Protein backbone atom coordinates (compact mmCIF):
# COMPACT_ATOMS: atom_id res chain seq x y z
CA MET A 1 20.22 0.26 56.31
CA ALA A 2 20.18 -2.12 59.19
CA ASN A 3 23.27 -0.49 60.63
CA ASN A 4 23.81 3.09 61.76
CA PRO A 5 27.56 3.82 61.44
CA ALA A 6 27.05 7.57 61.86
CA PHE A 7 26.78 7.21 65.62
CA ASN A 8 29.79 4.91 65.79
CA ARG A 9 31.73 7.73 64.14
CA LEU A 10 30.57 10.25 66.74
CA GLU A 11 31.48 7.85 69.57
CA LYS A 12 34.97 7.49 68.10
CA ASP A 13 35.44 11.26 67.82
CA ALA A 14 34.18 11.72 71.36
CA ARG A 15 36.78 9.30 72.68
CA SER A 16 39.59 10.99 70.72
CA GLY A 17 38.63 14.37 72.14
CA TYR A 18 36.36 16.50 69.98
CA ALA A 19 35.92 20.09 71.11
CA GLY A 20 39.08 20.00 73.20
CA PHE A 21 38.01 17.22 75.55
CA GLY A 22 41.50 15.75 75.40
CA GLY A 23 42.93 18.78 77.18
CA SER A 24 43.82 19.23 80.85
CA GLY A 25 41.36 20.04 83.62
CA SER A 26 38.91 17.95 85.60
CA GLY A 27 35.84 19.17 83.68
CA ALA A 28 37.28 18.27 80.28
CA ALA A 29 38.63 14.91 81.44
CA GLY A 30 35.29 13.98 82.98
CA ALA A 31 33.45 14.88 79.79
CA SER A 32 35.79 12.76 77.66
CA HIS A 33 35.33 9.74 79.91
CA ALA A 34 31.54 10.16 80.00
CA ALA A 35 31.38 10.11 76.20
CA THR A 36 32.47 6.47 76.17
CA ASP A 37 29.99 5.11 78.69
CA GLN A 38 26.41 5.70 79.77
CA LEU A 39 26.28 8.95 81.73
CA SER A 40 25.35 8.80 85.39
CA ALA A 41 23.37 11.56 87.09
CA GLN A 42 26.49 12.69 88.95
CA GLN A 43 28.56 12.87 85.75
CA LEU A 44 25.86 14.88 84.02
CA GLN A 45 25.69 17.32 86.91
CA GLU A 46 29.46 17.76 86.91
CA MET A 47 29.49 18.46 83.17
CA TYR A 48 26.64 20.93 83.33
CA SER A 49 28.42 22.77 86.17
CA ALA A 50 31.82 22.78 84.46
CA PRO A 51 32.98 25.55 82.07
CA SER A 52 32.50 24.99 78.35
CA ALA A 53 35.05 22.62 76.84
CA LEU A 54 35.10 24.56 73.60
CA ARG A 55 38.18 26.66 73.04
CA PRO A 56 37.77 30.33 72.02
CA GLY A 57 37.24 30.68 68.29
CA THR A 58 36.04 27.10 67.78
CA ASP A 59 32.59 25.90 66.75
CA ARG A 60 29.85 26.61 69.28
CA ALA A 61 28.34 23.80 71.33
CA LEU A 62 25.61 21.59 69.92
CA THR A 63 21.97 22.24 70.90
CA MET A 64 18.76 20.30 70.43
CA ASP A 65 17.51 22.96 68.01
CA ASP A 66 20.53 22.29 65.79
CA VAL A 67 19.72 18.59 65.59
CA VAL A 68 16.00 19.19 65.00
CA MET A 69 16.58 21.70 62.19
CA LYS A 70 19.16 19.53 60.42
CA THR A 71 16.92 16.47 60.76
CA LEU A 72 13.97 18.35 59.25
CA GLY A 73 16.18 19.62 56.43
CA LEU A 74 17.46 16.16 55.53
CA PHE A 75 13.96 14.72 55.88
CA ALA A 76 12.68 17.35 53.41
CA LEU A 77 15.38 16.31 50.93
CA VAL A 78 14.46 12.63 51.28
CA VAL A 79 10.77 13.40 50.75
CA GLY A 80 11.41 15.80 47.85
CA PHE A 81 13.69 13.47 45.93
CA GLY A 82 11.47 10.58 46.95
CA ALA A 83 8.73 12.25 44.92
CA VAL A 84 11.15 12.44 41.96
CA GLY A 85 12.01 8.75 42.33
CA TRP A 86 8.29 7.91 42.52
CA VAL A 87 7.48 9.77 39.28
CA VAL A 88 10.46 8.28 37.44
CA ALA A 89 9.54 4.74 38.52
CA ALA A 90 5.91 5.28 37.54
CA THR A 91 6.70 6.58 34.04
CA ASN A 92 9.71 4.33 33.37
CA PRO A 93 9.67 1.08 35.39
CA ALA A 94 13.05 -0.04 34.04
CA LEU A 95 14.67 3.20 35.20
CA GLY A 96 12.80 2.85 38.47
CA ILE A 97 14.44 -0.54 39.07
CA GLY A 98 17.77 1.12 38.31
CA LEU A 99 17.09 3.76 40.96
CA TRP A 100 16.12 1.01 43.38
CA LEU A 101 19.21 -1.15 42.94
CA GLY A 102 21.58 1.73 42.25
CA GLY A 103 20.28 3.67 45.22
CA MET A 104 20.73 0.67 47.49
CA ILE A 105 24.38 0.29 46.48
CA ALA A 106 25.08 4.04 46.50
CA THR A 107 23.64 4.57 49.99
CA LEU A 108 25.73 1.68 51.30
CA ILE A 109 28.93 3.14 49.85
CA LEU A 110 28.15 6.72 50.90
CA GLY A 111 27.19 5.54 54.37
CA LEU A 112 30.54 3.83 54.85
CA VAL A 113 32.42 6.86 53.53
CA ILE A 114 30.54 9.19 55.89
CA ALA A 115 31.19 6.88 58.83
CA PHE A 116 34.92 6.40 58.27
CA LYS A 117 35.97 9.70 56.66
CA LYS A 118 38.42 11.53 58.93
CA THR A 119 36.59 14.85 58.59
CA LEU A 120 32.84 15.41 58.72
CA SER A 121 31.53 16.20 55.22
CA VAL A 122 28.19 18.02 54.98
CA PRO A 123 28.02 17.66 51.15
CA LEU A 124 28.33 13.87 51.51
CA ILE A 125 25.52 13.80 54.08
CA VAL A 126 23.31 15.94 51.84
CA GLY A 127 24.19 13.76 48.86
CA TYR A 128 23.26 10.67 50.86
CA ALA A 129 19.82 12.17 51.59
CA VAL A 130 19.30 12.88 47.88
CA VAL A 131 20.26 9.35 46.79
CA GLU A 132 18.25 7.83 49.63
CA GLY A 133 15.22 9.85 48.55
CA LEU A 134 15.44 8.56 44.98
CA PHE A 135 15.78 5.00 46.30
CA VAL A 136 12.84 5.31 48.69
CA GLY A 137 10.63 6.87 46.00
CA ALA A 138 11.32 4.07 43.52
CA VAL A 139 10.77 1.34 46.13
CA SER A 140 7.57 2.97 47.38
CA GLN A 141 6.14 3.22 43.88
CA PHE A 142 6.80 -0.48 43.27
CA PHE A 143 5.06 -1.50 46.49
CA GLU A 144 2.14 0.88 45.90
CA GLN A 145 1.47 -0.53 42.45
CA ARG A 146 1.29 -4.05 43.83
CA TYR A 147 -0.43 -3.25 47.15
CA GLN A 148 -2.73 -0.24 46.88
CA GLY A 149 -2.57 2.05 49.90
CA ILE A 150 0.49 0.38 51.44
CA VAL A 151 2.68 3.50 51.32
CA ALA A 152 0.24 5.57 53.38
CA GLN A 153 -0.02 2.74 55.90
CA ALA A 154 3.77 2.40 56.17
CA VAL A 155 4.25 6.17 56.54
CA LEU A 156 1.66 6.40 59.32
CA ALA A 157 3.14 3.36 61.08
CA THR A 158 6.65 4.85 60.86
CA LEU A 159 5.62 8.26 62.20
CA ALA A 160 3.54 6.70 64.99
CA THR A 161 6.44 4.47 66.00
CA PHE A 162 8.86 7.40 65.99
CA VAL A 163 6.59 9.47 68.25
CA GLY A 164 5.89 6.49 70.51
CA MET A 165 9.57 5.63 70.91
CA PHE A 166 10.48 9.27 71.57
CA ILE A 167 7.86 9.53 74.32
CA ALA A 168 8.88 6.17 75.82
CA TYR A 169 12.53 7.29 75.87
CA LYS A 170 11.82 10.70 77.36
CA VAL A 171 9.57 9.43 80.17
CA GLY A 172 12.05 6.70 81.04
CA LEU A 173 10.12 3.64 79.88
CA ILE A 174 13.17 2.77 77.78
CA LYS A 175 16.55 3.27 79.42
CA VAL A 176 19.63 3.05 77.24
CA THR A 177 22.32 1.47 79.41
CA PRO A 178 25.75 0.34 78.17
CA LYS A 179 24.55 -3.29 78.24
CA PHE A 180 21.37 -2.39 76.34
CA ARG A 181 23.41 -0.54 73.71
CA ARG A 182 25.83 -3.46 73.26
CA ILE A 183 23.02 -6.00 72.88
CA VAL A 184 21.09 -3.90 70.36
CA THR A 185 24.26 -3.13 68.40
CA MET A 186 25.13 -6.84 68.15
CA MET A 187 21.58 -7.59 67.01
CA ILE A 188 21.82 -4.87 64.36
CA PHE A 189 25.08 -6.27 62.98
CA GLY A 190 23.59 -9.75 63.00
CA TYR A 191 20.49 -8.60 61.15
CA ALA A 192 22.64 -6.69 58.64
CA ILE A 193 24.44 -9.93 57.75
CA PHE A 194 21.11 -11.74 57.48
CA ALA A 195 19.68 -8.95 55.27
CA VAL A 196 22.54 -9.29 52.79
CA ALA A 197 22.14 -13.09 52.69
CA ASN A 198 18.38 -12.70 52.32
CA PHE A 199 18.79 -10.26 49.42
CA VAL A 200 21.12 -12.66 47.59
CA PHE A 201 18.72 -15.57 48.24
CA ALA A 202 15.77 -13.56 46.92
CA MET A 203 17.67 -12.62 43.75
CA VAL A 204 18.90 -16.17 43.07
CA THR A 205 15.58 -17.89 43.76
CA ASP A 206 13.38 -15.07 42.41
CA THR A 207 11.52 -15.00 45.73
CA ALA A 208 9.71 -11.76 46.56
CA PHE A 209 10.67 -11.56 50.25
CA GLY A 210 13.52 -14.03 50.54
CA PHE A 211 13.64 -16.40 53.52
CA GLY A 212 10.22 -17.19 54.91
CA GLY A 213 8.35 -15.69 51.97
CA SER A 214 4.96 -14.34 53.01
CA GLY A 215 4.26 -17.21 55.41
CA PRO A 216 4.34 -17.17 59.23
CA TRP A 217 8.14 -17.32 59.36
CA GLY A 218 8.43 -14.43 56.93
CA ILE A 219 6.00 -12.32 58.95
CA ALA A 220 7.93 -13.19 62.12
CA ILE A 221 11.17 -12.01 60.48
CA SER A 222 9.55 -8.72 59.48
CA LEU A 223 8.13 -8.22 62.97
CA PHE A 224 11.61 -8.74 64.42
CA ALA A 225 13.10 -6.25 61.94
CA VAL A 226 10.46 -3.62 62.73
CA GLY A 227 11.06 -4.12 66.44
CA LEU A 228 14.84 -3.84 66.05
CA ALA A 229 14.58 -0.67 63.95
CA SER A 230 12.18 0.80 66.50
CA VAL A 231 14.51 0.08 69.42
CA SER A 232 17.38 1.58 67.42
CA LEU A 233 15.58 4.93 67.60
CA ALA A 234 16.14 4.90 71.37
CA LEU A 235 19.88 4.57 70.75
CA ASP A 236 19.68 7.53 68.36
CA PHE A 237 17.86 9.68 70.94
CA ASP A 238 20.37 8.71 73.60
CA MET A 239 23.31 9.64 71.37
CA VAL A 240 21.80 13.08 70.76
CA ASP A 241 21.43 13.65 74.51
CA ARG A 242 24.97 12.44 75.16
CA ALA A 243 26.44 14.64 72.43
CA ILE A 244 24.68 17.70 73.83
CA ALA A 245 25.66 16.84 77.42
CA THR A 246 29.33 16.42 76.52
CA GLY A 247 29.46 19.69 74.58
CA ALA A 248 29.97 18.34 71.06
CA PRO A 249 30.53 21.04 68.40
CA GLN A 250 27.51 22.30 66.49
CA LYS A 251 28.73 20.70 63.25
CA TYR A 252 27.92 17.26 64.67
CA SER A 253 24.23 18.09 64.34
CA TRP A 254 24.59 17.03 60.70
CA LEU A 255 25.93 13.62 61.69
CA LEU A 256 23.25 13.10 64.35
CA ALA A 257 20.49 14.13 61.94
CA HIS A 258 21.91 11.80 59.30
CA GLY A 259 21.82 8.90 61.74
CA ILE A 260 18.19 9.55 62.67
CA ILE A 261 17.13 9.72 59.01
CA VAL A 262 18.96 6.46 58.26
CA THR A 263 17.05 4.69 61.05
CA LEU A 264 13.71 6.21 60.00
CA VAL A 265 14.12 5.06 56.40
CA TRP A 266 15.13 1.60 57.58
CA LEU A 267 12.02 1.45 59.77
CA TYR A 268 9.82 2.61 56.87
CA ILE A 269 11.20 -0.04 54.51
CA GLU A 270 10.66 -2.76 57.12
CA PHE A 271 7.06 -1.63 57.59
CA LEU A 272 6.54 -1.84 53.82
CA ARG A 273 7.82 -5.41 53.83
CA LEU A 274 5.77 -6.40 56.89
CA ILE A 275 2.50 -5.01 55.53
CA ALA A 276 3.14 -6.54 52.09
CA ARG A 277 3.79 -9.95 53.66
CA MET A 278 0.62 -9.73 55.71
CA ARG A 279 -1.41 -8.82 52.63
CA GLU A 280 -0.07 -11.84 50.78
């Protein structure tokens, strides 16, 4: 969950010319070039003034409402199946552990398939939300049994961070430049490698949190992970704006919504780990 390949997929499709951007004409060529780099004010103005890049009979252009509705729909699936995972883990702990480990592996595989599949698959994205919900529910139940009230705290912290990052991005406190995006992306890949090594270490040594345990170093690691997941939200918001500005087809709202949900769940899990470490 430390990586968000959904947006890498959209970047790749933008460069190859979704919605006819590979065609002739100054407006279409400018839009295709802008999809690969951070958009300047002049480029945005040119694209807004240019005719639609969509060819007659193709999918209509993406809007913010499309992304919001798809995000809410996937979020509802995660919450609904999260409740199922919670109940299963509470009544059958062994099965709950199966949902935890199985869900972790399944979301990794599905995430890679969604990212690298040549055509966008809505059923796969919906299936990912279902599996992710079962995983989150089982994990949440485990943490709640050990640390009473931790789930409510993590949920509130996640929602507050999401709102705070959205406001900071919209008012310009956080500016997503090409350099900023490259740095954050490299940090995400680095943390993903660390997370895998940490998981293996925790399993082998039977350590609850892996490297650092619940001591100062462990808390520092969790604080870094929460910060990185939070900053990743700014990249998600920026990708939505760029997709809308470049006239991406409406179907990409599913991919954008999927990416946002992936980051939100990652942030929530990191908050669970941080709060648990602090309670220890």
